[in-house]
PDB file of N, CA and C in Angstrom:
ATOM      1  N   MET A   1       0.854  -1.184   0.000  1.00  0.00           N
ATOM      2  CA  MET A   1       0.000   0.000   0.000  1.00  0.00           C
ATOM      3  C   MET A   1       0.893   1.239   0.000  1.00  0.00           C
ATOM      4  N   LEU A   2       0.499   2.228  -0.718  1.00  0.00           N
ATOM      5  CA  LEU A   2       1.230   3.479  -0.811  1.00  0.00           C
ATOM      6  C   LEU A   2       0.894   4.352   0.389  1.00  0.00           C
ATOM      7  N   PHE A   3       1.917   4.850   1.064  1.00  0.00           N
ATOM      8  CA  PHE A   3       1.687   5.647   2.260  1.00  0.00           C
ATOM      9  C   PHE A   3       1.994   7.114   1.991  1.00  0.00           C
ATOM     10  N   VAL A   4       0.969   7.946   2.043  1.00  0.00           N
ATOM     11  CA  VAL A   4       1.112   9.388   1.905  1.00  0.00           C
ATOM     12  C   VAL A   4       0.584   9.986   3.197  1.00  0.00           C
ATOM     13  N   LYS A   5       1.392  10.820   3.829  1.00  0.00           N
ATOM     14  CA  LYS A   5       1.050  11.386   5.133  1.00  0.00           C
ATOM     15  C   LYS A   5       0.529  12.812   4.989  1.00  0.00           C
ATOM     16  N   GLU A   6      -0.562  13.080   5.669  1.00  0.00           N
ATOM     17  CA  GLU A   6      -1.131  14.432   5.697  1.00  0.00           C
ATOM     18  C   GLU A   6      -0.319  15.278   6.675  1.00  0.00           C
ATOM     19  N   THR A   7       0.076  16.480   6.250  1.00  0.00           N
ATOM     20  CA  THR A   7       0.771  17.411   7.137  1.00  0.00           C
ATOM     21  C   THR A   7       0.057  18.754   7.101  1.00  0.00           C
ATOM     22  N   ARG A   8       0.485  19.624   7.961  1.00  0.00           N
ATOM     23  CA  ARG A   8      -0.120  20.965   8.019  1.00  0.00           C
ATOM     24  C   ARG A   8       0.081  21.720   6.701  1.00  0.00           C
ATOM     25  N   ASP A   9       1.202  21.476   6.053  1.00  0.00           N
ATOM     26  CA  ASP A   9       1.550  22.215   4.827  1.00  0.00           C
ATOM     27  C   ASP A   9       1.199  21.489   3.540  1.00  0.00           C
ATOM     28  N   GLY A  10       0.714  20.259   3.629  1.00  0.00           N
ATOM     29  CA  GLY A  10       0.416  19.499   2.417  1.00  0.00           C
ATOM     30  C   GLY A  10       0.495  18.023   2.688  1.00  0.00           C
ATOM     31  N   ALA A  11       1.119  17.275   1.792  1.00  0.00           N
ATOM     32  CA  ALA A  11       1.234  15.830   1.928  1.00  0.00           C
ATOM     33  C   ALA A  11       2.675  15.418   1.669  1.00  0.00           C
ATOM     34  N   THR A  12       3.154  14.414   2.409  1.00  0.00           N
ATOM     35  CA  THR A  12       4.512  13.933   2.226  1.00  0.00           C
ATOM     36  C   THR A  12       4.507  12.440   1.934  1.00  0.00           C
ATOM     37  N   PHE A  13       5.552  11.999   1.247  1.00  0.00           N
ATOM     38  CA  PHE A  13       5.739  10.573   0.979  1.00  0.00           C
ATOM     39  C   PHE A  13       7.222  10.310   0.768  1.00  0.00           C
ATOM     40  N   ALA A  14       7.623   9.057   0.973  1.00  0.00           N
ATOM     41  CA  ALA A  14       9.024   8.661   0.841  1.00  0.00           C
ATOM     42  C   ALA A  14       9.328   8.237  -0.591  1.00  0.00           C
ATOM     43  N   VAL A  15      10.544   8.558  -1.001  1.00  0.00           N
ATOM     44  CA  VAL A  15      11.004   8.237  -2.353  1.00  0.00           C
ATOM     45  C   VAL A  15      12.386   7.617  -2.250  1.00  0.00           C
ATOM     46  N   LEU A  16      12.649   6.603  -3.050  1.00  0.00           N
ATOM     47  CA  LEU A  16      13.979   6.030  -3.189  1.00  0.00           C
ATOM     48  C   LEU A  16      14.409   6.275  -4.631  1.00  0.00           C
ATOM     49  N   VAL A  17      15.486   7.031  -4.820  1.00  0.00           N
ATOM     50  CA  VAL A  17      15.920   7.360  -6.179  1.00  0.00           C
ATOM     51  C   VAL A  17      17.088   6.480  -6.606  1.00  0.00           C
ATOM     52  N   VAL A  18      17.108   6.181  -7.896  1.00  0.00           N
ATOM     53  CA  VAL A  18      18.199   5.445  -8.521  1.00  0.00           C
ATOM     54  C   VAL A  18      18.758   6.363  -9.602  1.00  0.00           C
ATOM     55  N   PRO A  19      19.840   7.099  -9.288  1.00  0.00           N
ATOM     56  CA  PRO A  19      20.395   8.033 -10.274  1.00  0.00           C
ATOM     57  C   PRO A  19      21.135   7.302 -11.394  1.00  0.00           C
ATOM     58  N   ARG A  20      21.423   8.050 -12.438  1.00  0.00           N
ATOM     59  CA  ARG A  20      22.164   7.561 -13.613  1.00  0.00           C
ATOM     60  C   ARG A  20      21.449   6.428 -14.335  1.00  0.00           C
ATOM     61  N   ALA A  21      20.134   6.447 -14.336  1.00  0.00           N
ATOM     62  CA  ALA A  21      19.358   5.441 -15.070  1.00  0.00           C
ATOM     63  C   ALA A  21      19.296   5.840 -16.543  1.00  0.00           C
ATOM     64  N   SER A  22      18.877   4.937 -17.390  1.00  0.00           N
ATOM     65  CA  SER A  22      18.789   5.251 -18.820  1.00  0.00           C
ATOM     66  C   SER A  22      17.645   6.215 -19.113  1.00  0.00           C
ATOM     67  N   ARG A  23      16.596   6.197 -18.250  1.00  0.00           N
ATOM     68  CA  ARG A  23      15.493   7.145 -18.417  1.00  0.00           C
ATOM     69  C   ARG A  23      14.862   7.413 -17.055  1.00  0.00           C
ATOM     70  N   THR A  24      14.162   8.515 -16.951  1.00  0.00           N
ATOM     71  CA  THR A  24      13.477   8.871 -15.716  1.00  0.00           C
ATOM     72  C   THR A  24      12.082   8.263 -15.734  1.00  0.00           C
ATOM     73  N   ALA A  25      11.783   7.488 -14.685  1.00  0.00           N
ATOM     74  CA  ALA A  25      10.483   6.826 -14.616  1.00  0.00           C
ATOM     75  C   ALA A  25      10.217   6.316 -13.206  1.00  0.00           C
ATOM     76  N   ILE A  26       8.948   6.174 -12.876  1.00  0.00           N
ATOM     77  CA  ILE A  26       8.579   5.525 -11.628  1.00  0.00           C
ATOM     78  C   ILE A  26       8.705   4.031 -11.843  1.00  0.00           C
ATOM     79  N   VAL A  27       9.495   3.384 -11.014  1.00  0.00           N
ATOM     80  CA  VAL A  27       9.737   1.954 -11.143  1.00  0.00           C
ATOM     81  C   VAL A  27       8.649   1.170 -10.434  1.00  0.00           C
ATOM     82  N   GLY A  28       8.196   1.665  -9.283  1.00  0.00           N
ATOM     83  CA  GLY A  28       7.163   0.972  -8.520  1.00  0.00           C
ATOM     84  C   GLY A  28       7.173   1.411  -7.070  1.00  0.00           C
ATOM     85  N   VAL A  29       6.567   0.599  -6.223  1.00  0.00           N
ATOM     86  CA  VAL A  29       6.508   0.864  -4.791  1.00  0.00           C
ATOM     87  C   VAL A  29       7.188  -0.290  -4.072  1.00  0.00           C
ATOM     88  N   MET A  30       8.056   0.046  -3.128  1.00  0.00           N
ATOM     89  CA  MET A  30       8.734  -0.965  -2.328  1.00  0.00           C
ATOM     90  C   MET A  30       8.216  -0.875  -0.901  1.00  0.00           C
ATOM     91  N   GLY A  31       7.963  -2.007  -0.287  1.00  0.00           N
ATOM     92  CA  GLY A  31       7.528  -2.031   1.094  1.00  0.00           C
ATOM     93  C   GLY A  31       6.022  -1.919   1.221  1.00  0.00           C
ATOM     94  N   GLU A  32       5.569  -1.917   2.472  1.00  0.00           N
ATOM     95  CA  GLU A  32       4.145  -1.861   2.772  1.00  0.00           C
ATOM     96  C   GLU A  32       3.861  -0.809   3.838  1.00  0.00           C
ATOM     97  N   ASP A  33       2.660  -0.291   3.830  1.00  0.00           N
ATOM     98  CA  ASP A  33       2.147   0.643   4.846  1.00  0.00           C
ATOM     99  C   ASP A  33       3.106   1.802   5.083  1.00  0.00           C
ATOM    100  N   GLU A  34       3.455   2.071   6.344  1.00  0.00           N
ATOM    101  CA  GLU A  34       4.290   3.235   6.671  1.00  0.00           C
ATOM    102  C   GLU A  34       5.695   3.130   6.092  1.00  0.00           C
ATOM    103  N   ASP A  35       6.148   1.912   5.772  1.00  0.00           N
ATOM    104  CA  ASP A  35       7.494   1.708   5.240  1.00  0.00           C
ATOM    105  C   ASP A  35       7.553   1.808   3.717  1.00  0.00           C
ATOM    106  N   ALA A  36       6.432   2.026   3.059  1.00  0.00           N
ATOM    107  CA  ALA A  36       6.387   2.053   1.603  1.00  0.00           C
ATOM    108  C   ALA A  36       7.127   3.269   1.050  1.00  0.00           C
ATOM    109  N   VAL A  37       7.890   3.037  -0.003  1.00  0.00           N
ATOM    110  CA  VAL A  37       8.583   4.120  -0.699  1.00  0.00           C
ATOM    111  C   VAL A  37       8.324   3.986  -2.192  1.00  0.00           C
ATOM    112  N   VAL A  38       8.237   5.118  -2.867  1.00  0.00           N
ATOM    113  CA  VAL A  38       8.088   5.140  -4.317  1.00  0.00           C
ATOM    114  C   VAL A  38       9.497   5.101  -4.903  1.00  0.00           C
ATOM    115  N   LYS A  39       9.794   4.078  -5.698  1.00  0.00           N
ATOM    116  CA  LYS A  39      11.118   3.938  -6.312  1.00  0.00           C
ATOM    117  C   LYS A  39      11.092   4.622  -7.673  1.00  0.00           C
ATOM    118  N   ILE A  40      12.033   5.560  -7.864  1.00  0.00           N
ATOM    119  CA  ILE A  40      12.086   6.349  -9.093  1.00  0.00           C
ATOM    120  C   ILE A  40      13.490   6.293  -9.687  1.00  0.00           C
ATOM    121  N   ALA A  41      13.570   5.903 -10.938  1.00  0.00           N
ATOM    122  CA  ALA A  41      14.832   5.927 -11.678  1.00  0.00           C
ATOM    123  C   ALA A  41      14.996   7.323 -12.266  1.00  0.00           C
ATOM    124  N   LEU A  42      16.190   7.888 -12.111  1.00  0.00           N
ATOM    125  CA  LEU A  42      16.456   9.246 -12.614  1.00  0.00           C
ATOM    126  C   LEU A  42      17.581   9.222 -13.640  1.00  0.00           C
ATOM    127  N   ALA A  43      17.341   9.837 -14.785  1.00  0.00           N
ATOM    128  CA  ALA A  43      18.362   9.939 -15.826  1.00  0.00           C
ATOM    129  C   ALA A  43      19.210  11.181 -15.566  1.00  0.00           C
ATOM    130  N   ALA A  44      19.784  11.238 -14.369  1.00  0.00           N
ATOM    131  CA  ALA A  44      20.639  12.365 -13.985  1.00  0.00           C
ATOM    132  C   ALA A  44      21.630  11.866 -12.952  1.00  0.00           C
ATOM    133  N   PRO A  45      22.840  12.403 -12.973  1.00  0.00           N
ATOM    134  CA  PRO A  45      23.812  12.008 -11.960  1.00  0.00           C
ATOM    135  C   PRO A  45      23.564  12.760 -10.654  1.00  0.00           C
ATOM    136  N   PRO A  46      23.976  12.183  -9.529  1.00  0.00           N
ATOM    137  CA  PRO A  46      23.799  12.863  -8.251  1.00  0.00           C
ATOM    138  C   PRO A  46      24.917  13.884  -8.003  1.00  0.00           C
ATOM    139  N   VAL A  47      25.056  14.827  -8.911  1.00  0.00           N
ATOM    140  CA  VAL A  47      26.129  15.810  -8.841  1.00  0.00           C
ATOM    141  C   VAL A  47      25.530  17.210  -8.745  1.00  0.00           C
ATOM    142  N   GLU A  48      25.969  17.960  -7.746  1.00  0.00           N
ATOM    143  CA  GLU A  48      25.570  19.357  -7.567  1.00  0.00           C
ATOM    144  C   GLU A  48      24.051  19.543  -7.581  1.00  0.00           C
ATOM    145  N   GLY A  49      23.320  18.599  -7.004  1.00  0.00           N
ATOM    146  CA  GLY A  49      21.869  18.738  -6.891  1.00  0.00           C
ATOM    147  C   GLY A  49      21.092  18.477  -8.168  1.00  0.00           C
ATOM    148  N   ARG A  50      21.765  18.045  -9.209  1.00  0.00           N
ATOM    149  CA  ARG A  50      21.086  17.821 -10.493  1.00  0.00           C
ATOM    150  C   ARG A  50      19.996  16.754 -10.386  1.00  0.00           C
ATOM    151  N   ALA A  51      20.276  15.651  -9.682  1.00  0.00           N
ATOM    152  CA  ALA A  51      19.274  14.590  -9.545  1.00  0.00           C
ATOM    153  C   ALA A  51      18.052  15.108  -8.786  1.00  0.00           C
ATOM    154  N   ASN A  52      18.267  15.942  -7.785  1.00  0.00           N
ATOM    155  CA  ASN A  52      17.137  16.508  -7.035  1.00  0.00           C
ATOM    156  C   ASN A  52      16.281  17.403  -7.927  1.00  0.00           C
ATOM    157  N   GLU A  53      16.915  18.187  -8.774  1.00  0.00           N
ATOM    158  CA  GLU A  53      16.173  19.051  -9.693  1.00  0.00           C
ATOM    159  C   GLU A  53      15.324  18.226 -10.660  1.00  0.00           C
ATOM    160  N   VAL A  54      15.908  17.161 -11.185  1.00  0.00           N
ATOM    161  CA  VAL A  54      15.183  16.292 -12.105  1.00  0.00           C
ATOM    162  C   VAL A  54      14.028  15.608 -11.373  1.00  0.00           C
ATOM    163  N   LEU A  55      14.269  15.174 -10.136  1.00  0.00           N
ATOM    164  CA  LEU A  55      13.216  14.531  -9.345  1.00  0.00           C
ATOM    165  C   LEU A  55      12.035  15.475  -9.133  1.00  0.00           C
ATOM    166  N   ILE A  56      12.300  16.700  -8.747  1.00  0.00           N
ATOM    167  CA  ILE A  56      11.229  17.671  -8.505  1.00  0.00           C
ATOM    168  C   ILE A  56      10.447  17.941  -9.792  1.00  0.00           C
ATOM    169  N   ALA A  57      11.151  18.153 -10.888  1.00  0.00           N
ATOM    170  CA  ALA A  57      10.478  18.421 -12.161  1.00  0.00           C
ATOM    171  C   ALA A  57       9.642  17.214 -12.598  1.00  0.00           C
ATOM    172  N   PHE A  58      10.195  16.017 -12.450  1.00  0.00           N
ATOM    173  CA  PHE A  58       9.480  14.807 -12.847  1.00  0.00           C
ATOM    174  C   PHE A  58       8.223  14.608 -12.007  1.00  0.00           C
ATOM    175  N   LEU A  59       8.346  14.737 -10.692  1.00  0.00           N
ATOM    176  CA  LEU A  59       7.188  14.538  -9.822  1.00  0.00           C
ATOM    177  C   LEU A  59       6.112  15.595 -10.064  1.00  0.00           C
ATOM    178  N   ALA A  60       6.520  16.833 -10.263  1.00  0.00           N
ATOM    179  CA  ALA A  60       5.539  17.892 -10.541  1.00  0.00           C
ATOM    180  C   ALA A  60       4.747  17.561 -11.797  1.00  0.00           C
ATOM    181  N   ASP A  61       5.445  17.135 -12.835  1.00  0.00           N
ATOM    182  CA  ASP A  61       4.773  16.778 -14.084  1.00  0.00           C
ATOM    183  C   ASP A  61       3.871  15.558 -13.894  1.00  0.00           C
ATOM    184  N   ALA A  62       4.385  14.530 -13.220  1.00  0.00           N
ATOM    185  CA  ALA A  62       3.615  13.300 -13.018  1.00  0.00           C
ATOM    186  C   ALA A  62       2.368  13.533 -12.176  1.00  0.00           C
ATOM    187  N   LEU A  63       2.472  14.421 -11.180  1.00  0.00           N
ATOM    188  CA  LEU A  63       1.346  14.682 -10.286  1.00  0.00           C
ATOM    189  C   LEU A  63       0.434  15.789 -10.787  1.00  0.00           C
ATOM    190  N   GLY A  64       0.846  16.478 -11.845  1.00  0.00           N
ATOM    191  CA  GLY A  64       0.029  17.555 -12.405  1.00  0.00           C
ATOM    192  C   GLY A  64      -0.030  18.789 -11.529  1.00  0.00           C
ATOM    193  N   VAL A  65       1.109  19.114 -10.895  1.00  0.00           N
ATOM    194  CA  VAL A  65       1.181  20.291 -10.030  1.00  0.00           C
ATOM    195  C   VAL A  65       2.357  21.156 -10.462  1.00  0.00           C
ATOM    196  N   PRO A  66       2.370  22.434 -10.067  1.00  0.00           N
ATOM    197  CA  PRO A  66       3.517  23.284 -10.392  1.00  0.00           C
ATOM    198  C   PRO A  66       4.775  22.827  -9.644  1.00  0.00           C
ATOM    199  N   ARG A  67       5.928  23.043 -10.241  1.00  0.00           N
ATOM    200  CA  ARG A  67       7.197  22.687  -9.586  1.00  0.00           C
ATOM    201  C   ARG A  67       7.352  23.394  -8.246  1.00  0.00           C
ATOM    202  N   SER A  68       6.812  24.570  -8.132  1.00  0.00           N
ATOM    203  CA  SER A  68       6.983  25.359  -6.917  1.00  0.00           C
ATOM    204  C   SER A  68       6.342  24.739  -5.684  1.00  0.00           C
ATOM    205  N   VAL A  69       5.428  23.771  -5.851  1.00  0.00           N
ATOM    206  CA  VAL A  69       4.778  23.160  -4.693  1.00  0.00           C
ATOM    207  C   VAL A  69       5.414  21.825  -4.301  1.00  0.00           C
ATOM    208  N   VAL A  70       6.384  21.343  -5.073  1.00  0.00           N
ATOM    209  CA  VAL A  70       7.072  20.087  -4.772  1.00  0.00           C
ATOM    210  C   VAL A  70       8.432  20.418  -4.178  1.00  0.00           C
ATOM    211  N   GLU A  71       8.719  19.839  -3.002  1.00  0.00           N
ATOM    212  CA  GLU A  71      10.010  20.106  -2.374  1.00  0.00           C
ATOM    213  C   GLU A  71      10.517  18.867  -1.654  1.00  0.00           C
ATOM    214  N   ILE A  72      11.823  18.748  -1.585  1.00  0.00           N
ATOM    215  CA  ILE A  72      12.454  17.670  -0.840  1.00  0.00           C
ATOM    216  C   ILE A  72      12.674  18.196   0.569  1.00  0.00           C
ATOM    217  N   VAL A  73      12.029  17.560   1.546  1.00  0.00           N
ATOM    218  CA  VAL A  73      12.118  18.058   2.930  1.00  0.00           C
ATOM    219  C   VAL A  73      13.108  17.273   3.776  1.00  0.00           C
ATOM    220  N   ALA A  74      13.565  16.129   3.289  1.00  0.00           N
ATOM    221  CA  ALA A  74      14.587  15.350   3.994  1.00  0.00           C
ATOM    222  C   ALA A  74      15.320  14.484   2.986  1.00  0.00           C
ATOM    223  N   GLY A  75      16.614  14.289   3.228  1.00  0.00           N
ATOM    224  CA  GLY A  75      17.407  13.409   2.377  1.00  0.00           C
ATOM    225  C   GLY A  75      17.946  14.048   1.119  1.00  0.00           C
ATOM    226  N   GLN A  76      18.223  15.333   1.146  1.00  0.00           N
ATOM    227  CA  GLN A  76      18.714  16.020  -0.053  1.00  0.00           C
ATOM    228  C   GLN A  76      19.957  15.363  -0.641  1.00  0.00           C
ATOM    229  N   GLN A  77      20.808  14.782   0.198  1.00  0.00           N
ATOM    230  CA  GLN A  77      22.031  14.155  -0.301  1.00  0.00           C
ATOM    231  C   GLN A  77      22.005  12.637  -0.149  1.00  0.00           C
ATOM    232  N   SER A  78      20.817  12.076  -0.042  1.00  0.00           N
ATOM    233  CA  SER A  78      20.649  10.645   0.141  1.00  0.00           C
ATOM    234  C   SER A  78      19.781  10.079  -0.978  1.00  0.00           C
ATOM    235  N   ARG A  79      19.850   8.772  -1.171  1.00  0.00           N
ATOM    236  CA  ARG A  79      18.962   8.138  -2.152  1.00  0.00           C
ATOM    237  C   ARG A  79      17.537   8.065  -1.632  1.00  0.00           C
ATOM    238  N   LYS A  80      17.391   7.959  -0.308  1.00  0.00           N
ATOM    239  CA  LYS A  80      16.050   7.935   0.287  1.00  0.00           C
ATOM    240  C   LYS A  80      15.683   9.351   0.707  1.00  0.00           C
ATOM    241  N   LYS A  81      14.562   9.839   0.206  1.00  0.00           N
ATOM    242  CA  LYS A  81      14.148  11.211   0.426  1.00  0.00           C
ATOM    243  C   LYS A  81      12.698  11.266   0.902  1.00  0.00           C
ATOM    244  N   VAL A  82      12.333  12.374   1.498  1.00  0.00           N
ATOM    245  CA  VAL A  82      10.942  12.641   1.822  1.00  0.00           C
ATOM    246  C   VAL A  82      10.536  13.856   0.995  1.00  0.00           C
ATOM    247  N   VAL A  83       9.473  13.709   0.227  1.00  0.00           N
ATOM    248  CA  VAL A  83       9.002  14.761  -0.662  1.00  0.00           C
ATOM    249  C   VAL A  83       7.684  15.307  -0.127  1.00  0.00           C
ATOM    250  N   ARG A  84       7.539  16.622  -0.156  1.00  0.00           N
ATOM    251  CA  ARG A  84       6.287  17.260   0.238  1.00  0.00           C
ATOM    252  C   ARG A  84       5.671  17.927  -0.980  1.00  0.00           C
ATOM    253  N   VAL A  85       4.358  17.796  -1.080  1.00  0.00           N
ATOM    254  CA  VAL A  85       3.585  18.512  -2.091  1.00  0.00           C
ATOM    255  C   VAL A  85       2.709  19.479  -1.309  1.00  0.00           C
ATOM    256  N   ARG A  86       3.105  20.752  -1.337  1.00  0.00           N
ATOM    257  CA  ARG A  86       2.399  21.778  -0.560  1.00  0.00           C
ATOM    258  C   ARG A  86       1.021  22.071  -1.145  1.00  0.00           C
ATOM    259  N   GLY A  87       0.057  22.288  -0.231  1.00  0.00           N
ATOM    260  CA  GLY A  87      -1.272  22.684  -0.653  1.00  0.00           C
ATOM    261  C   GLY A  87      -2.132  21.573  -1.208  1.00  0.00           C
ATOM    262  N   ARG A  88      -1.689  20.338  -1.093  1.00  0.00           N
ATOM    263  CA  ARG A  88      -2.474  19.197  -1.574  1.00  0.00           C
ATOM    264  C   ARG A  88      -2.710  18.240  -0.406  1.00  0.00           C
ATOM    265  N   SER A  89      -3.847  17.580  -0.409  1.00  0.00           N
ATOM    266  CA  SER A  89      -4.151  16.614   0.649  1.00  0.00           C
ATOM    267  C   SER A  89      -3.460  15.291   0.350  1.00  0.00           C
ATOM    268  N   ALA A  90      -3.362  14.456   1.379  1.00  0.00           N
ATOM    269  CA  ALA A  90      -2.785  13.128   1.202  1.00  0.00           C
ATOM    270  C   ALA A  90      -3.606  12.316   0.198  1.00  0.00           C
ATOM    271  N   ALA A  91      -4.919  12.474   0.234  1.00  0.00           N
ATOM    272  CA  ALA A  91      -5.783  11.747  -0.711  1.00  0.00           C
ATOM    273  C   ALA A  91      -5.509  12.183  -2.143  1.00  0.00           C
ATOM    274  N   GLU A  92      -5.355  13.478  -2.379  1.00  0.00           N
ATOM    275  CA  GLU A  92      -5.083  13.983  -3.726  1.00  0.00           C
ATOM    276  C   GLU A  92      -3.750  13.465  -4.246  1.00  0.00           C
ATOM    277  N   VAL A  93      -2.721  13.540  -3.407  1.00  0.00           N
ATOM    278  CA  VAL A  93      -1.388  13.091  -3.823  1.00  0.00           C
ATOM    279  C   VAL A  93      -1.374  11.580  -4.017  1.00  0.00           C
ATOM    280  N   GLY A  94      -2.000  10.842  -3.102  1.00  0.00           N
ATOM    281  CA  GLY A  94      -2.072   9.386  -3.237  1.00  0.00           C
ATOM    282  C   GLY A  94      -2.769   8.961  -4.517  1.00  0.00           C
ATOM    283  N   ASP A  95      -3.884   9.614  -4.828  1.00  0.00           N
ATOM    284  CA  ASP A  95      -4.607   9.302  -6.065  1.00  0.00           C
ATOM    285  C   ASP A  95      -3.756   9.595  -7.293  1.00  0.00           C
ATOM    286  N   ALA A  96      -3.067  10.739  -7.281  1.00  0.00           N
ATOM    287  CA  ALA A  96      -2.218  11.116  -8.420  1.00  0.00           C
ATOM    288  C   ALA A  96      -1.073  10.122  -8.583  1.00  0.00           C
ATOM    289  N   LEU A  97      -0.460   9.695  -7.479  1.00  0.00           N
ATOM    290  CA  LEU A  97       0.624   8.715  -7.558  1.00  0.00           C
ATOM    291  C   LEU A  97       0.117   7.379  -8.088  1.00  0.00           C
ATOM    292  N   ARG A  98      -1.037   6.950  -7.638  1.00  0.00           N
ATOM    293  CA  ARG A  98      -1.588   5.673  -8.109  1.00  0.00           C
ATOM    294  C   ARG A  98      -1.841   5.691  -9.617  1.00  0.00           C
ATOM    295  N   ARG A  99      -2.228   6.855 -10.134  1.00  0.00           N
ATOM    296  CA  ARG A  99      -2.486   6.955 -11.582  1.00  0.00           C
ATOM    297  C   ARG A  99      -1.219   6.797 -12.400  1.00  0.00           C
ATOM    298  N   VAL A 100      -0.062   7.164 -11.841  1.00  0.00           N
ATOM    299  CA  VAL A 100       1.180   7.118 -12.620  1.00  0.00           C
ATOM    300  C   VAL A 100       2.056   5.921 -12.282  1.00  0.00           C
ATOM    301  N   LEU A 101       1.611   5.077 -11.350  1.00  0.00           N
ATOM    302  CA  LEU A 101       2.372   3.873 -11.029  1.00  0.00           C
ATOM    303  C   LEU A 101       2.331   2.906 -12.198  1.00  0.00           C
ATOM    304  N   PRO A 102       3.373   2.094 -12.340  1.00  0.00           N
ATOM    305  CA  PRO A 102       3.329   1.049 -13.366  1.00  0.00           C
ATOM    306  C   PRO A 102       2.095   0.174 -13.159  1.00  0.00           C
ATOM    307  N   ASP A 103       1.559  -0.390 -14.225  1.00  0.00           N
ATOM    308  CA  ASP A 103       0.311  -1.151 -14.205  1.00  0.00           C
ATOM    309  C   ASP A 103       0.213  -2.192 -13.101  1.00  0.00           C
ATOM    310  N   LYS A 104       1.300  -2.883 -12.805  1.00  0.00           N
ATOM    311  CA  LYS A 104       1.233  -3.970 -11.835  1.00  0.00           C
ATOM    312  C   LYS A 104       0.915  -3.487 -10.425  1.00  0.00           C
ATOM    313  N   ARG A 105       1.038  -2.180 -10.130  1.00  0.00           N
ATOM    314  CA  ARG A 105       0.758  -1.685  -8.793  1.00  0.00           C
ATOM    315  C   ARG A 105      -0.502  -0.825  -8.731  1.00  0.00           C
ATOM    316  N   ARG A 106      -1.172  -0.622  -9.839  1.00  0.00           N
ATOM    317  CA  ARG A 106      -2.351   0.247  -9.848  1.00  0.00           C
ATOM    318  C   ARG A 106      -3.516  -0.317  -9.048  1.00  0.00           C
ATOM    319  N   GLU A 107      -3.537  -1.618  -8.847  1.00  0.00           N
ATOM    320  CA  GLU A 107      -4.651  -2.203  -8.123  1.00  0.00           C
ATOM    321  C   GLU A 107      -4.547  -1.972  -6.622  1.00  0.00           C
ATOM    322  N   VAL A 108      -3.458  -1.385  -6.150  1.00  0.00           N
ATOM    323  CA  VAL A 108      -3.275  -1.125  -4.729  1.00  0.00           C
ATOM    324  C   VAL A 108      -4.313  -0.115  -4.257  1.00  0.00           C
ATOM    325  N   PRO A 109      -5.018  -0.424  -3.150  1.00  0.00           N
ATOM    326  CA  PRO A 109      -6.068   0.493  -2.673  1.00  0.00           C
ATOM    327  C   PRO A 109      -5.497   1.784  -2.117  1.00  0.00           C
TER     328      PRO A 109
END
C-alpha cells in the first residue's frame, strides 16, 4: 500500500531514487504501509543537486502540479528522500501517484 502522510503544509511521501538510469520513470513501490517508498529511476547524476532538480520536475509533471509546490524536505544528499507537495491533501497526492504507477501496482487500494 502506498503511504502518503497528511501534514499541516500538504502531503509527504518517501522516495527512493536510482540516479544515472537510462530514463526517468517511476519503477514501482517498495515495502508496505508506513514503510512504503516510491522507487524512481532518474536519468541524472547525483552531482551538484542535479538529480534533485530532475526529481522535482518529474514529480511535478507526473502529479500535475507546479514545480513550486514540490520540495524535498529530507534526504537532499541521500537516495532515500521525503518529498512534500504543498497545498495538496494526502488523498489527492495518493490518487495522483496511483495513476502514474506502473500497471502492476495500480490495483493497490
